[in-house]
């Protein structure tokens, strides 16, 4: 099978089966080097998510008068 035939067969299979990405890609950690700026942006994103979660929890506790839940 030539390379062109192989590529055509793979493309036909992917379009027929609706596969958009390799499932093992989601399961194996990356071995790429991530820039410090990207790591800092990710840490900021996680901190913002945690702050929003805590604020939502605080609002809910005040609304229904629940005891404080342990911090995650």
PDB file of N, CA and C in Angstrom:
ATOM      1  N   UNK A   1       0.863  -1.176   0.000  1.00  0.00           N
ATOM      2  CA  UNK A   1       0.000   0.000   0.000  1.00  0.00           C
ATOM      3  C   UNK A   1       0.897   1.222   0.000  1.00  0.00           C
ATOM      4  N   UNK A   2       0.645   2.106  -0.907  1.00  0.00           N
ATOM      5  CA  UNK A   2       1.445   3.327  -0.984  1.00  0.00           C
ATOM      6  C   UNK A   2       1.067   4.274   0.157  1.00  0.00           C
ATOM      7  N   UNK A   3       1.910   5.244   0.388  1.00  0.00           N
ATOM      8  CA  UNK A   3       1.646   6.220   1.444  1.00  0.00           C
ATOM      9  C   UNK A   3       0.360   6.994   1.161  1.00  0.00           C
ATOM     10  N   UNK A   4       0.131   7.347  -0.085  1.00  0.00           N
ATOM     11  CA  UNK A   4      -1.083   8.083  -0.456  1.00  0.00           C
ATOM     12  C   UNK A   4      -2.329   7.222  -0.216  1.00  0.00           C
ATOM     13  N   UNK A   5      -2.236   5.927  -0.569  1.00  0.00           N
ATOM     14  CA  UNK A   5      -3.375   5.026  -0.325  1.00  0.00           C
ATOM     15  C   UNK A   5      -3.639   4.888   1.174  1.00  0.00           C
ATOM     16  N   UNK A   6      -2.559   4.775   1.937  1.00  0.00           N
ATOM     17  CA  UNK A   6      -2.694   4.659   3.389  1.00  0.00           C
ATOM     18  C   UNK A   6      -3.365   5.902   3.974  1.00  0.00           C
ATOM     19  N   UNK A   7      -2.883   7.063   3.572  1.00  0.00           N
ATOM     20  CA  UNK A   7      -3.462   8.318   4.065  1.00  0.00           C
ATOM     21  C   UNK A   7      -4.944   8.425   3.693  1.00  0.00           C
ATOM     22  N   UNK A   8      -5.296   8.016   2.489  1.00  0.00           N
ATOM     23  CA  UNK A   8      -6.687   8.054   2.043  1.00  0.00           C
ATOM     24  C   UNK A   8      -7.541   7.080   2.856  1.00  0.00           C
ATOM     25  N   UNK A   9      -6.995   5.884   3.137  1.00  0.00           N
ATOM     26  CA  UNK A   9      -7.736   4.902   3.928  1.00  0.00           C
ATOM     27  C   UNK A   9      -7.961   5.394   5.350  1.00  0.00           C
ATOM     28  N   UNK A  10      -6.945   6.007   5.945  1.00  0.00           N
ATOM     29  CA  UNK A  10      -7.083   6.551   7.298  1.00  0.00           C
ATOM     30  C   UNK A  10      -8.105   7.680   7.308  1.00  0.00           C
ATOM     31  N   UNK A  11      -8.041   8.563   6.358  1.00  0.00           N
ATOM     32  CA  UNK A  11      -8.996   9.675   6.285  1.00  0.00           C
ATOM     33  C   UNK A  11     -10.422   9.161   6.112  1.00  0.00           C
ATOM     34  N   UNK A  12     -10.608   8.147   5.268  1.00  0.00           N
ATOM     35  CA  UNK A  12     -11.937   7.573   5.063  1.00  0.00           C
ATOM     36  C   UNK A  12     -12.453   6.935   6.348  1.00  0.00           C
ATOM     37  N   UNK A  13     -11.580   6.222   7.051  1.00  0.00           N
ATOM     38  CA  UNK A  13     -11.984   5.593   8.312  1.00  0.00           C
ATOM     39  C   UNK A  13     -12.389   6.647   9.335  1.00  0.00           C
ATOM     40  N   UNK A  14     -11.571   7.680   9.476  1.00  0.00           N
ATOM     41  CA  UNK A  14     -11.869   8.719  10.466  1.00  0.00           C
ATOM     42  C   UNK A  14     -13.172   9.440  10.147  1.00  0.00           C
ATOM     43  N   UNK A  15     -13.407   9.715   8.870  1.00  0.00           N
ATOM     44  CA  UNK A  15     -14.645  10.410   8.525  1.00  0.00           C
ATOM     45  C   UNK A  15     -15.860   9.505   8.671  1.00  0.00           C
ATOM     46  N   UNK A  16     -15.701   8.215   8.413  1.00  0.00           N
ATOM     47  CA  UNK A  16     -16.810   7.265   8.551  1.00  0.00           C
ATOM     48  C   UNK A  16     -17.161   7.015  10.002  1.00  0.00           C
ATOM     49  N   UNK A  17     -16.146   6.833  10.832  1.00  0.00           N
ATOM     50  CA  UNK A  17     -16.355   6.501  12.244  1.00  0.00           C
ATOM     51  C   UNK A  17     -16.558   7.735  13.120  1.00  0.00           C
ATOM     52  N   UNK A  18     -16.271   8.903  12.590  1.00  0.00           N
ATOM     53  CA  UNK A  18     -16.453  10.120  13.372  1.00  0.00           C
ATOM     54  C   UNK A  18     -15.378  10.318  14.427  1.00  0.00           C
ATOM     55  N   UNK A  19     -14.247   9.680  14.278  1.00  0.00           N
ATOM     56  CA  UNK A  19     -13.153   9.835  15.233  1.00  0.00           C
ATOM     57  C   UNK A  19     -12.471  11.167  14.968  1.00  0.00           C
ATOM     58  N   UNK A  20     -12.320  11.972  16.025  1.00  0.00           N
ATOM     59  CA  UNK A  20     -11.688  13.273  15.843  1.00  0.00           C
ATOM     60  C   UNK A  20     -10.315  13.353  16.472  1.00  0.00           C
ATOM     61  N   UNK A  21      -9.990  12.423  17.361  1.00  0.00           N
ATOM     62  CA  UNK A  21      -8.658  12.409  17.955  1.00  0.00           C
ATOM     63  C   UNK A  21      -8.355  11.028  18.505  1.00  0.00           C
ATOM     64  N   UNK A  22      -7.119  10.766  18.718  1.00  0.00           N
ATOM     65  CA  UNK A  22      -6.685   9.482  19.246  1.00  0.00           C
ATOM     66  C   UNK A  22      -7.024   9.417  20.734  1.00  0.00           C
ATOM     67  N   UNK A  23      -7.740   8.400  21.186  1.00  0.00           N
ATOM     68  CA  UNK A  23      -8.123   8.342  22.600  1.00  0.00           C
ATOM     69  C   UNK A  23      -6.935   8.212  23.548  1.00  0.00           C
ATOM     70  N   UNK A  24      -5.835   7.647  23.085  1.00  0.00           N
ATOM     71  CA  UNK A  24      -4.689   7.519  23.986  1.00  0.00           C
ATOM     72  C   UNK A  24      -4.018   8.855  24.252  1.00  0.00           C
ATOM     73  N   UNK A  25      -4.249   9.838  23.419  1.00  0.00           N
ATOM     74  CA  UNK A  25      -3.671  11.162  23.641  1.00  0.00           C
ATOM     75  C   UNK A  25      -4.183  11.746  24.954  1.00  0.00           C
ATOM     76  N   UNK A  26      -5.408  11.454  25.296  1.00  0.00           N
ATOM     77  CA  UNK A  26      -6.008  11.994  26.505  1.00  0.00           C
ATOM     78  C   UNK A  26      -5.513  11.277  27.762  1.00  0.00           C
ATOM     79  N   UNK A  27      -4.884  10.134  27.607  1.00  0.00           N
ATOM     80  CA  UNK A  27      -4.521   9.323  28.753  1.00  0.00           C
ATOM     81  C   UNK A  27      -3.036   9.390  29.100  1.00  0.00           C
ATOM     82  N   UNK A  28      -2.224   9.891  28.220  1.00  0.00           N
ATOM     83  CA  UNK A  28      -0.787   9.909  28.440  1.00  0.00           C
ATOM     84  C   UNK A  28      -0.347  11.347  28.699  1.00  0.00           C
ATOM     85  N   UNK A  29       0.385  11.563  29.791  1.00  0.00           N
ATOM     86  CA  UNK A  29       0.840  12.928  30.064  1.00  0.00           C
ATOM     87  C   UNK A  29       1.790  13.424  28.975  1.00  0.00           C
ATOM     88  N   UNK A  30       1.759  14.708  28.770  1.00  0.00           N
ATOM     89  CA  UNK A  30       2.611  15.286  27.748  1.00  0.00           C
ATOM     90  C   UNK A  30       4.074  15.262  28.186  1.00  0.00           C
ATOM     91  N   UNK A  31       4.956  15.171  27.232  1.00  0.00           N
ATOM     92  CA  UNK A  31       6.375  15.248  27.528  1.00  0.00           C
ATOM     93  C   UNK A  31       6.945  16.557  26.998  1.00  0.00           C
ATOM     94  N   UNK A  32       6.065  17.452  26.657  1.00  0.00           N
ATOM     95  CA  UNK A  32       6.487  18.749  26.147  1.00  0.00           C
ATOM     96  C   UNK A  32       6.944  19.644  27.296  1.00  0.00           C
ATOM     97  N   UNK A  33       7.724  20.631  26.967  1.00  0.00           N
ATOM     98  CA  UNK A  33       8.149  21.619  27.948  1.00  0.00           C
ATOM     99  C   UNK A  33       7.161  22.771  27.896  1.00  0.00           C
ATOM    100  N   UNK A  34       6.598  23.108  29.045  1.00  0.00           N
ATOM    101  CA  UNK A  34       5.602  24.177  29.118  1.00  0.00           C
ATOM    102  C   UNK A  34       6.304  25.429  29.628  1.00  0.00           C
ATOM    103  N   UNK A  35       6.103  26.522  28.946  1.00  0.00           N
ATOM    104  CA  UNK A  35       6.742  27.787  29.307  1.00  0.00           C
ATOM    105  C   UNK A  35       6.276  28.256  30.675  1.00  0.00           C
ATOM    106  N   UNK A  36       7.134  28.943  31.382  1.00  0.00           N
ATOM    107  CA  UNK A  36       6.815  29.451  32.724  1.00  0.00           C
ATOM    108  C   UNK A  36       5.605  30.385  32.674  1.00  0.00           C
ATOM    109  N   UNK A  37       5.492  31.185  31.642  1.00  0.00           N
ATOM    110  CA  UNK A  37       4.345  32.094  31.515  1.00  0.00           C
ATOM    111  C   UNK A  37       3.037  31.309  31.421  1.00  0.00           C
ATOM    112  N   UNK A  38       3.055  30.191  30.708  1.00  0.00           N
ATOM    113  CA  UNK A  38       1.853  29.358  30.594  1.00  0.00           C
ATOM    114  C   UNK A  38       1.528  28.683  31.918  1.00  0.00           C
ATOM    115  N   UNK A  39       2.566  28.238  32.649  1.00  0.00           N
ATOM    116  CA  UNK A  39       2.328  27.624  33.961  1.00  0.00           C
ATOM    117  C   UNK A  39       1.750  28.654  34.925  1.00  0.00           C
ATOM    118  N   UNK A  40       2.266  29.888  34.867  1.00  0.00           N
ATOM    119  CA  UNK A  40       1.755  30.955  35.737  1.00  0.00           C
ATOM    120  C   UNK A  40       0.305  31.279  35.380  1.00  0.00           C
ATOM    121  N   UNK A  41       0.001  31.336  34.094  1.00  0.00           N
ATOM    122  CA  UNK A  41      -1.381  31.604  33.672  1.00  0.00           C
ATOM    123  C   UNK A  41      -2.306  30.493  34.141  1.00  0.00           C
ATOM    124  N   UNK A  42      -1.848  29.252  34.075  1.00  0.00           N
ATOM    125  CA  UNK A  42      -2.661  28.123  34.548  1.00  0.00           C
ATOM    126  C   UNK A  42      -2.886  28.217  36.056  1.00  0.00           C
ATOM    127  N   UNK A  43      -1.835  28.552  36.813  1.00  0.00           N
ATOM    128  CA  UNK A  43      -2.000  28.712  38.268  1.00  0.00           C
ATOM    129  C   UNK A  43      -3.003  29.823  38.585  1.00  0.00           C
ATOM    130  N   UNK A  44      -2.935  30.926  37.844  1.00  0.00           N
ATOM    131  CA  UNK A  44      -3.897  32.013  38.044  1.00  0.00           C
ATOM    132  C   UNK A  44      -5.316  31.549  37.741  1.00  0.00           C
ATOM    133  N   UNK A  45      -5.464  30.772  36.681  1.00  0.00           N
ATOM    134  CA  UNK A  45      -6.781  30.249  36.299  1.00  0.00           C
ATOM    135  C   UNK A  45      -7.339  29.351  37.402  1.00  0.00           C
ATOM    136  N   UNK A  46      -6.516  28.456  37.933  1.00  0.00           N
ATOM    137  CA  UNK A  46      -6.954  27.554  39.001  1.00  0.00           C
ATOM    138  C   UNK A  46      -7.305  28.354  40.257  1.00  0.00           C
ATOM    139  N   UNK A  47      -6.508  29.360  40.580  1.00  0.00           N
ATOM    140  CA  UNK A  47      -6.795  30.194  41.753  1.00  0.00           C
ATOM    141  C   UNK A  47      -8.126  30.933  41.581  1.00  0.00           C
ATOM    142  N   UNK A  48      -8.392  31.425  40.390  1.00  0.00           N
ATOM    143  CA  UNK A  48      -9.663  32.110  40.128  1.00  0.00           C
ATOM    144  C   UNK A  48     -10.838  31.148  40.239  1.00  0.00           C
ATOM    145  N   UNK A  49     -10.671  29.926  39.736  1.00  0.00           N
ATOM    146  CA  UNK A  49     -11.733  28.923  39.858  1.00  0.00           C
ATOM    147  C   UNK A  49     -12.002  28.605  41.328  1.00  0.00           C
ATOM    148  N   UNK A  50     -10.938  28.436  42.109  1.00  0.00           N
ATOM    149  CA  UNK A  50     -11.094  28.120  43.533  1.00  0.00           C
ATOM    150  C   UNK A  50     -11.772  29.272  44.268  1.00  0.00           C
ATOM    151  N   UNK A  51     -11.388  30.507  43.956  1.00  0.00           N
ATOM    152  CA  UNK A  51     -12.015  31.664  44.585  1.00  0.00           C
ATOM    153  C   UNK A  51     -13.504  31.729  44.247  1.00  0.00           C
ATOM    154  N   UNK A  52     -13.844  31.452  43.004  1.00  0.00           N
ATOM    155  CA  UNK A  52     -15.256  31.456  42.602  1.00  0.00           C
ATOM    156  C   UNK A  52     -16.019  30.342  43.307  1.00  0.00           C
ATOM    157  N   UNK A  53     -15.383  29.163  43.433  1.00  0.00           N
ATOM    158  CA  UNK A  53     -16.033  28.050  44.119  1.00  0.00           C
ATOM    159  C   UNK A  53     -16.274  28.385  45.589  1.00  0.00           C
ATOM    160  N   UNK A  54     -15.290  28.995  46.244  1.00  0.00           N
ATOM    161  CA  UNK A  54     -15.435  29.361  47.653  1.00  0.00           C
ATOM    162  C   UNK A  54     -16.506  30.433  47.845  1.00  0.00           C
ATOM    163  N   UNK A  55     -16.554  31.389  46.929  1.00  0.00           N
ATOM    164  CA  UNK A  55     -17.578  32.440  47.013  1.00  0.00           C
ATOM    165  C   UNK A  55     -18.975  31.847  46.831  1.00  0.00           C
ATOM    166  N   UNK A  56     -19.103  30.933  45.888  1.00  0.00           N
ATOM    167  CA  UNK A  56     -20.395  30.273  45.667  1.00  0.00           C
ATOM    168  C   UNK A  56     -20.796  29.469  46.898  1.00  0.00           C
ATOM    169  N   UNK A  57     -19.823  28.775  47.491  1.00  0.00           N
ATOM    170  CA  UNK A  57     -20.085  27.987  48.700  1.00  0.00           C
ATOM    171  C   UNK A  57     -20.508  28.901  49.859  1.00  0.00           C
ATOM    172  N   UNK A  58     -19.818  30.029  50.005  1.00  0.00           N
ATOM    173  CA  UNK A  58     -20.140  30.981  51.070  1.00  0.00           C
ATOM    174  C   UNK A  58     -21.556  31.532  50.890  1.00  0.00           C
ATOM    175  N   UNK A  59     -21.897  31.882  49.660  1.00  0.00           N
ATOM    176  CA  UNK A  59     -23.231  32.408  49.371  1.00  0.00           C
ATOM    177  C   UNK A  59     -24.304  31.365  49.671  1.00  0.00           C
ATOM    178  N   UNK A  60     -24.049  30.132  49.273  1.00  0.00           N
ATOM    179  CA  UNK A  60     -25.004  29.058  49.531  1.00  0.00           C
ATOM    180  C   UNK A  60     -25.172  28.835  51.037  1.00  0.00           C
ATOM    181  N   UNK A  61     -24.069  28.850  51.779  1.00  0.00           N
ATOM    182  CA  UNK A  61     -24.146  28.645  53.223  1.00  0.00           C
ATOM    183  C   UNK A  61     -24.949  29.758  53.889  1.00  0.00           C
ATOM    184  N   UNK A  62     -24.756  30.986  53.433  1.00  0.00           N
ATOM    185  CA  UNK A  62     -25.495  32.109  53.998  1.00  0.00           C
ATOM    186  C   UNK A  62     -26.974  32.019  53.649  1.00  0.00           C
ATOM    187  N   UNK A  63     -27.278  31.507  52.486  1.00  0.00           N
ATOM    188  CA  UNK A  63     -28.660  31.403  52.029  1.00  0.00           C
ATOM    189  C   UNK A  63     -29.427  30.342  52.799  1.00  0.00           C
ATOM    190  N   UNK A  64     -28.825  29.196  53.000  1.00  0.00           N
ATOM    191  CA  UNK A  64     -29.538  28.098  53.644  1.00  0.00           C
ATOM    192  C   UNK A  64     -29.036  27.812  55.062  1.00  0.00           C
ATOM    193  N   UNK A  65     -28.091  28.613  55.563  1.00  0.00           N
ATOM    194  CA  UNK A  65     -27.572  28.520  56.927  1.00  0.00           C
ATOM    195  C   UNK A  65     -26.996  27.154  57.222  1.00  0.00           C
ATOM    196  N   UNK A  66     -26.116  26.665  56.332  1.00  0.00           N
ATOM    197  CA  UNK A  66     -25.438  25.401  56.547  1.00  0.00           C
ATOM    198  C   UNK A  66     -24.156  25.623  57.347  1.00  0.00           C
ATOM    199  N   UNK A  67     -23.706  24.601  58.088  1.00  0.00           N
ATOM    200  CA  UNK A  67     -22.405  24.740  58.746  1.00  0.00           C
ATOM    201  C   UNK A  67     -21.308  24.778  57.691  1.00  0.00           C
ATOM    202  N   UNK A  68     -20.156  25.296  58.047  1.00  0.00           N
ATOM    203  CA  UNK A  68     -19.035  25.394  57.097  1.00  0.00           C
ATOM    204  C   UNK A  68     -18.610  24.019  56.638  1.00  0.00           C
ATOM    205  N   UNK A  69     -18.344  23.927  55.344  1.00  0.00           N
ATOM    206  CA  UNK A  69     -17.862  22.674  54.770  1.00  0.00           C
ATOM    207  C   UNK A  69     -16.332  22.694  54.778  1.00  0.00           C
ATOM    208  N   UNK A  70     -15.703  21.536  54.868  1.00  0.00           N
ATOM    209  CA  UNK A  70     -14.238  21.506  54.840  1.00  0.00           C
ATOM    210  C   UNK A  70     -13.708  21.991  53.511  1.00  0.00           C
ATOM    211  N   UNK A  71     -12.584  22.679  53.562  1.00  0.00           N
ATOM    212  CA  UNK A  71     -11.977  23.204  52.352  1.00  0.00           C
ATOM    213  C   UNK A  71     -11.345  22.076  51.554  1.00  0.00           C
ATOM    214  N   UNK A  72     -11.489  22.150  50.205  1.00  0.00           N
ATOM    215  CA  UNK A  72     -10.938  21.104  49.328  1.00  0.00           C
ATOM    216  C   UNK A  72      -9.490  21.391  49.023  1.00  0.00           C
TER     217      UNK A  72
END
